[in-house]
Amino acid sequence: MKARLLIAAVAASSLMTLVGCAGSGPNQRIGVAGGAVGGALIGNALGGGTAGTVGGAAIGGLIGNEVGRNSDNRNADRYYRDGNRY
């Protein structure tokens, strides 16, 4: 039971840290949060320990950050294309 509590606490603190460091776009923040949670779940399932959970959260957060940033950039390009707002 203590191990699960520790894993949850580490995953939650990692998630908060990654979300706090995320960029300014809304999709980027959502991507970090979703990626960290998904990565923590996958890391715990594959690694089975705290290191797997934390590593998965970190890797998932980084991947989610990049995906969200690309989405924000794509939306900005569409919105400000040729000076017009679509």
Foldseek 3Di string as FASTA:
>chain_A
DVQVVVLVVLLVVLLVVLLVPADDDPQLSVLLNVQLVVQLVVLCVVVVGSVSNNVRSVVRNVVRNVVSVVVRVVQVCQQCPPNHGD
